[in-house]
Amino acid sequence: MDVLFSLAINGLATGMLIFLLAAGLTLIFGLMDVLNFAHGGLFIWGAYTGVWTYQMTGSFLGGIVTAIGVGLLLGLVTERFIVRPVYGSHVQQILITLGFMLVLQECIKVVFGPDQKIVSPPSYLEGSFIIGEIVFINYRLFIIAVGFLIYFAFYYLFKKTRVGLIVRAGVMNKEMIQSLGVNIKLVFLLVFMVGAALAALSGMLHAAYSGVIYAEMGLEFSILAFIVVVIGGMGNFKGSLLAAILVGLTQAFMAYYVPALSLATNMLLMAIVLVFRPQGLFALR
């Protein structure tokens, strides 16, 4: 039983990291109908710049702030110069954002070097405690708490505020919102920047979780994020959370019980969803 609980916590923590990355994709696609394959590049830049600040200053919070700031800046650049010219064409969006992600990945090697970077959590988040026979690792609990906090914060923003009303209305009818005097291009830009910041935050948190970062991990993690978005339903924020938890738990349990199938399981799960429920497991329609 203690093994099952430990695996569940590991899977939940992994799921929350994937959710933070997938949430940005969901926001961007849900409002803007944009398939942003550069998301993995934003993830890795958040990881590297956040870790650099963390190691230079000794402040983990400073690293998080730096990662979010870099994510916002890269989101601004990506939307303005990469995505905006290809609105309305999914094929062009895939090609140009995938190319931009490879550029971001190579720029990491130029700026920070090609070697892996070793990262450890801050001292106040290291260690663990035991309840009964179950071991709870502090940093994993921290990630789970951050994931749920961000989900409920965005849920409140979307459902209870005027900003959320504008965003939800923009999803349904962009032209009508613009005719009411709302600058829909600015709304698009801000949503894209927020999505990029979530990706960068996920990268920073994942760095201390995995203990090592490298330039290619952005592509690896972005694949998981797209699997989550497909399983949860394109543009469905709640669906992304539930699908991320499902993927995280599946990966944790399969890695322990059937390691040889751990990488293929999520792909198989996505394929099954696409065959029997292509709109996603948690889609509204």
Protein backbone atom coordinates (compact mmCIF):
# COMPACT_ATOMS: atom_id res chain seq x y z
CA MET A 1 0.00 0.00 0.00
CA ASP A 2 2.84 2.42 0.79
CA VAL A 3 4.27 1.78 -2.69
CA LEU A 4 0.93 2.60 -4.27
CA PHE A 5 0.66 5.87 -2.36
CA SER A 6 4.23 6.81 -3.25
CA LEU A 7 3.60 6.11 -6.93
CA ALA A 8 0.37 8.10 -6.79
CA ILE A 9 2.17 11.12 -5.33
CA ASN A 10 4.94 10.83 -7.92
CA GLY A 11 2.39 10.58 -10.70
CA LEU A 12 0.38 13.49 -9.37
CA ALA A 13 3.49 15.69 -9.18
CA THR A 14 4.48 14.75 -12.73
CA GLY A 15 0.93 15.37 -13.87
CA MET A 16 0.95 18.85 -12.37
CA LEU A 17 4.16 19.75 -14.19
CA ILE A 18 2.63 18.54 -17.44
CA PHE A 19 -0.55 20.46 -16.64
CA LEU A 20 1.31 23.76 -16.27
CA LEU A 21 2.77 23.26 -19.74
CA ALA A 22 -0.46 21.92 -21.26
CA ALA A 23 -2.52 24.71 -19.66
CA GLY A 24 -0.64 27.27 -21.74
CA LEU A 25 -1.31 25.28 -24.90
CA THR A 26 -4.97 24.99 -23.95
CA LEU A 27 -5.33 28.73 -23.35
CA ILE A 28 -3.61 29.59 -26.63
CA PHE A 29 -5.59 27.11 -28.71
CA GLY A 30 -8.89 27.71 -26.94
CA LEU A 31 -8.93 31.46 -27.60
CA MET A 32 -6.65 31.91 -30.59
CA ASP A 33 -7.01 28.59 -32.48
CA VAL A 34 -3.20 28.43 -32.65
CA LEU A 35 -1.17 25.22 -32.52
CA ASN A 36 2.01 26.40 -30.83
CA PHE A 37 4.76 23.79 -31.19
CA ALA A 38 7.28 26.33 -29.87
CA HIS A 39 5.87 25.75 -26.39
CA GLY A 40 8.67 23.31 -25.57
CA GLY A 41 11.22 26.01 -26.35
CA LEU A 42 9.53 28.37 -23.88
CA PHE A 43 9.60 25.55 -21.33
CA ILE A 44 13.35 25.01 -21.64
CA TRP A 45 14.19 28.72 -21.63
CA GLY A 46 12.21 29.09 -18.42
CA ALA A 47 14.17 26.18 -16.96
CA TYR A 48 17.62 27.47 -17.91
CA THR A 49 17.12 31.14 -17.06
CA GLY A 50 15.37 30.30 -13.80
CA VAL A 51 18.09 27.87 -12.78
CA TRP A 52 20.81 30.37 -13.72
CA THR A 53 19.22 33.00 -11.46
CA TYR A 54 18.66 30.45 -8.70
CA GLN A 55 22.29 29.32 -8.76
CA MET A 56 23.71 32.84 -9.06
CA THR A 57 21.62 34.38 -6.27
CA GLY A 58 20.68 31.40 -4.14
CA SER A 59 17.03 32.46 -4.36
CA PHE A 60 14.63 29.82 -5.66
CA LEU A 61 11.82 32.37 -5.69
CA GLY A 62 14.05 34.68 -7.72
CA GLY A 63 14.53 31.86 -10.21
CA ILE A 64 10.77 31.39 -10.50
CA VAL A 65 10.24 35.12 -11.06
CA THR A 66 12.98 35.17 -13.70
CA ALA A 67 11.49 32.17 -15.50
CA ILE A 68 8.05 33.78 -15.57
CA GLY A 69 9.51 37.08 -16.81
CA VAL A 70 11.44 35.35 -19.59
CA GLY A 71 8.31 33.40 -20.51
CA LEU A 72 6.30 36.61 -20.80
CA LEU A 73 8.97 38.24 -22.96
CA LEU A 74 9.37 35.24 -25.25
CA GLY A 75 5.59 34.97 -25.46
CA LEU A 76 5.43 38.57 -26.65
CA VAL A 77 8.10 37.97 -29.30
CA THR A 78 6.60 34.65 -30.42
CA GLU A 79 3.06 35.96 -30.82
CA ARG A 80 4.05 39.23 -32.47
CA PHE A 81 6.63 38.00 -34.96
CA ILE A 82 6.14 34.24 -35.34
CA VAL A 83 2.46 33.41 -34.82
CA ARG A 84 0.59 36.56 -35.88
CA PRO A 85 1.55 36.29 -39.58
CA VAL A 86 0.12 32.75 -39.80
CA TYR A 87 -3.22 33.13 -38.01
CA GLY A 88 -5.85 30.91 -39.61
CA SER A 89 -3.47 28.30 -41.08
CA HIS A 90 -2.76 25.32 -38.84
CA VAL A 91 -0.23 23.83 -41.26
CA GLN A 92 1.81 27.02 -41.35
CA GLN A 93 1.51 27.38 -37.57
CA ILE A 94 2.90 23.88 -37.01
CA LEU A 95 5.80 24.41 -39.40
CA ILE A 96 6.87 27.84 -38.21
CA THR A 97 6.46 27.19 -34.47
CA LEU A 98 8.25 23.84 -34.71
CA GLY A 99 11.09 25.56 -36.51
CA PHE A 100 11.17 28.32 -33.89
CA MET A 101 11.30 25.72 -31.11
CA LEU A 102 14.40 24.19 -32.71
CA VAL A 103 15.94 27.65 -32.91
CA LEU A 104 15.21 28.25 -29.21
CA GLN A 105 16.71 24.85 -28.39
CA GLU A 106 19.94 25.61 -30.24
CA CYS A 107 20.13 29.08 -28.71
CA ILE A 108 20.16 27.40 -25.28
CA LYS A 109 23.34 25.58 -26.27
CA VAL A 110 24.91 28.82 -27.50
CA VAL A 111 24.06 30.82 -24.38
CA PHE A 112 24.39 28.20 -21.63
CA GLY A 113 26.52 25.55 -23.29
CA PRO A 114 25.66 22.02 -24.47
CA ASP A 115 26.31 20.30 -21.15
CA GLN A 116 23.63 19.18 -18.73
CA LYS A 117 23.02 21.33 -15.67
CA ILE A 118 22.57 19.78 -12.24
CA VAL A 119 19.83 21.33 -10.11
CA SER A 120 18.63 20.66 -6.59
CA PRO A 121 15.59 22.01 -4.73
CA PRO A 122 16.11 24.77 -2.15
CA SER A 123 16.99 23.58 1.34
CA TYR A 124 13.55 24.42 2.73
CA LEU A 125 11.89 22.16 0.14
CA GLU A 126 14.33 19.28 0.42
CA GLY A 127 13.77 16.20 2.50
CA SER A 128 10.65 14.25 3.33
CA PHE A 129 8.44 13.13 6.18
CA ILE A 130 6.69 9.87 7.00
CA ILE A 131 3.07 9.27 7.92
CA GLY A 132 2.53 5.65 8.83
CA GLU A 133 4.62 3.79 6.27
CA ILE A 134 4.17 6.36 3.50
CA VAL A 135 7.02 8.70 2.59
CA PHE A 136 6.00 12.20 1.45
CA ILE A 137 8.67 14.14 -0.45
CA ASN A 138 8.41 17.87 0.26
CA TYR A 139 9.22 19.17 -3.22
CA ARG A 140 6.68 16.91 -4.90
CA LEU A 141 3.99 18.10 -2.51
CA PHE A 142 5.03 21.68 -3.31
CA ILE A 143 4.58 21.05 -7.04
CA ILE A 144 1.15 19.50 -6.47
CA ALA A 145 0.11 22.52 -4.38
CA VAL A 146 1.36 24.97 -7.04
CA GLY A 147 -0.50 23.10 -9.77
CA PHE A 148 -3.83 23.15 -7.96
CA LEU A 149 -3.32 26.78 -6.90
CA ILE A 150 -2.79 27.86 -10.49
CA TYR A 151 -5.78 25.85 -11.68
CA PHE A 152 -8.15 27.42 -9.13
CA ALA A 153 -6.69 30.89 -9.76
CA PHE A 154 -7.41 30.61 -13.48
CA TYR A 155 -10.80 29.04 -12.81
CA TYR A 156 -11.73 32.08 -10.71
CA LEU A 157 -10.29 34.42 -13.33
CA PHE A 158 -12.30 32.84 -16.15
CA LYS A 159 -15.57 32.37 -14.28
CA LYS A 160 -15.78 35.30 -11.86
CA THR A 161 -14.05 38.32 -13.41
CA ARG A 162 -14.66 40.70 -16.29
CA VAL A 163 -11.36 39.65 -17.87
CA GLY A 164 -12.52 36.06 -17.90
CA LEU A 165 -15.84 37.12 -19.43
CA ILE A 166 -14.02 38.89 -22.26
CA VAL A 167 -11.78 35.88 -22.87
CA ARG A 168 -14.69 33.43 -22.91
CA ALA A 169 -16.70 35.72 -25.17
CA GLY A 170 -13.71 36.06 -27.46
CA VAL A 171 -13.60 32.28 -27.83
CA MET A 172 -17.23 32.22 -28.99
CA ASN A 173 -17.33 35.32 -31.21
CA LYS A 174 -14.20 37.39 -31.78
CA GLU A 175 -15.86 39.80 -34.21
CA MET A 176 -18.68 40.66 -31.81
CA ILE A 177 -16.26 41.40 -28.97
CA GLN A 178 -14.19 43.62 -31.24
CA SER A 179 -17.31 45.51 -32.34
CA LEU A 180 -17.96 46.31 -28.65
CA GLY A 181 -14.68 48.18 -28.43
CA VAL A 182 -12.46 45.43 -27.02
CA ASN A 183 -8.98 45.24 -28.54
CA ILE A 184 -9.07 41.56 -29.40
CA LYS A 185 -5.48 41.59 -30.69
CA LEU A 186 -4.29 42.80 -27.30
CA VAL A 187 -6.37 40.08 -25.60
CA PHE A 188 -4.76 37.50 -27.90
CA LEU A 189 -1.30 38.82 -27.08
CA LEU A 190 -1.88 38.79 -23.32
CA VAL A 191 -3.32 35.26 -23.40
CA PHE A 192 -0.34 34.07 -25.42
CA MET A 193 2.08 35.70 -22.97
CA VAL A 194 0.33 34.09 -19.99
CA GLY A 195 0.46 30.69 -21.70
CA ALA A 196 4.18 31.17 -22.37
CA ALA A 197 4.76 32.18 -18.73
CA LEU A 198 3.06 28.97 -17.55
CA ALA A 199 5.36 26.96 -19.81
CA ALA A 200 8.42 28.74 -18.43
CA LEU A 201 7.23 28.22 -14.84
CA SER A 202 6.76 24.52 -15.57
CA GLY A 203 10.32 24.37 -16.87
CA MET A 204 11.76 25.95 -13.74
CA LEU A 205 9.80 23.69 -11.40
CA HIS A 206 10.68 20.62 -13.44
CA ALA A 207 14.39 21.47 -13.25
CA ALA A 208 14.52 21.00 -9.48
CA TYR A 209 12.14 18.03 -9.71
CA SER A 210 14.24 16.03 -12.17
CA GLY A 211 17.60 17.26 -10.85
CA VAL A 212 19.03 17.85 -14.31
CA ILE A 213 18.20 19.95 -17.36
CA TYR A 214 19.36 19.72 -20.97
CA ALA A 215 18.42 21.50 -24.17
CA GLU A 216 16.45 18.62 -25.74
CA MET A 217 14.04 18.11 -22.85
CA GLY A 218 11.75 20.86 -24.14
CA LEU A 219 10.76 18.72 -27.13
CA GLU A 220 10.29 15.64 -24.95
CA PHE A 221 8.03 17.41 -22.48
CA SER A 222 6.05 19.27 -25.15
CA ILE A 223 5.04 15.91 -26.65
CA LEU A 224 3.53 14.94 -23.29
CA ALA A 225 1.75 18.30 -23.16
CA PHE A 226 0.17 17.77 -26.58
CA ILE A 227 -0.90 14.27 -25.55
CA VAL A 228 -2.62 15.81 -22.52
CA VAL A 229 -4.34 18.46 -24.62
CA VAL A 230 -5.64 15.83 -27.05
CA ILE A 231 -6.85 13.51 -24.29
CA GLY A 232 -8.47 16.33 -22.28
CA GLY A 233 -10.07 18.04 -25.25
CA MET A 234 -8.63 20.88 -27.30
CA GLY A 235 -9.23 24.18 -25.53
CA ASN A 236 -10.68 22.56 -22.39
CA PHE A 237 -8.84 23.93 -19.31
CA LYS A 238 -10.43 21.53 -16.81
CA GLY A 239 -9.91 18.67 -19.22
CA SER A 240 -6.19 19.49 -19.37
CA LEU A 241 -5.93 19.18 -15.59
CA LEU A 242 -7.72 15.83 -15.46
CA ALA A 243 -5.84 14.46 -18.46
CA ALA A 244 -2.49 15.61 -17.03
CA ILE A 245 -3.22 13.79 -13.78
CA LEU A 246 -4.24 10.69 -15.75
CA VAL A 247 -1.06 10.78 -17.86
CA GLY A 248 1.13 11.42 -14.83
CA LEU A 249 -0.36 8.55 -12.85
CA THR A 250 -0.22 6.20 -15.84
CA GLN A 251 3.42 7.04 -16.45
CA ALA A 252 4.37 6.56 -12.79
CA PHE A 253 2.66 3.20 -12.39
CA MET A 254 3.80 1.82 -15.74
CA ALA A 255 7.40 2.92 -15.10
CA TYR A 256 7.34 0.92 -11.86
CA TYR A 257 5.43 -2.20 -12.91
CA VAL A 258 6.14 -2.42 -16.67
CA PRO A 259 9.15 -0.17 -17.42
CA ALA A 260 9.48 -1.36 -21.02
CA LEU A 261 6.01 0.02 -21.85
CA SER A 262 6.16 3.27 -19.87
CA LEU A 263 7.02 5.46 -22.88
CA ALA A 264 4.51 3.82 -25.22
CA THR A 265 1.58 3.85 -22.81
CA ASN A 266 0.70 7.52 -23.18
CA MET A 267 0.89 7.33 -26.97
CA LEU A 268 -1.39 4.30 -26.88
CA LEU A 269 -3.79 6.10 -24.56
CA MET A 270 -3.93 9.09 -26.93
CA ALA A 271 -4.50 6.81 -29.91
CA ILE A 272 -7.41 5.09 -28.17
CA VAL A 273 -8.97 8.45 -27.32
CA LEU A 274 -8.60 9.66 -30.92
CA VAL A 275 -10.30 6.52 -32.23
CA PHE A 276 -13.25 6.34 -29.83
CA ARG A 277 -13.65 9.95 -28.67
CA PRO A 278 -11.69 12.31 -30.96
CA GLN A 279 -13.05 15.41 -29.24
CA GLY A 280 -11.29 14.36 -26.00
CA LEU A 281 -12.37 12.51 -22.88
CA PHE A 282 -13.44 15.64 -21.04
CA ALA A 283 -14.63 17.79 -23.93
CA LEU A 284 -17.84 19.71 -23.39
CA ARG A 285 -19.29 18.41 -26.60
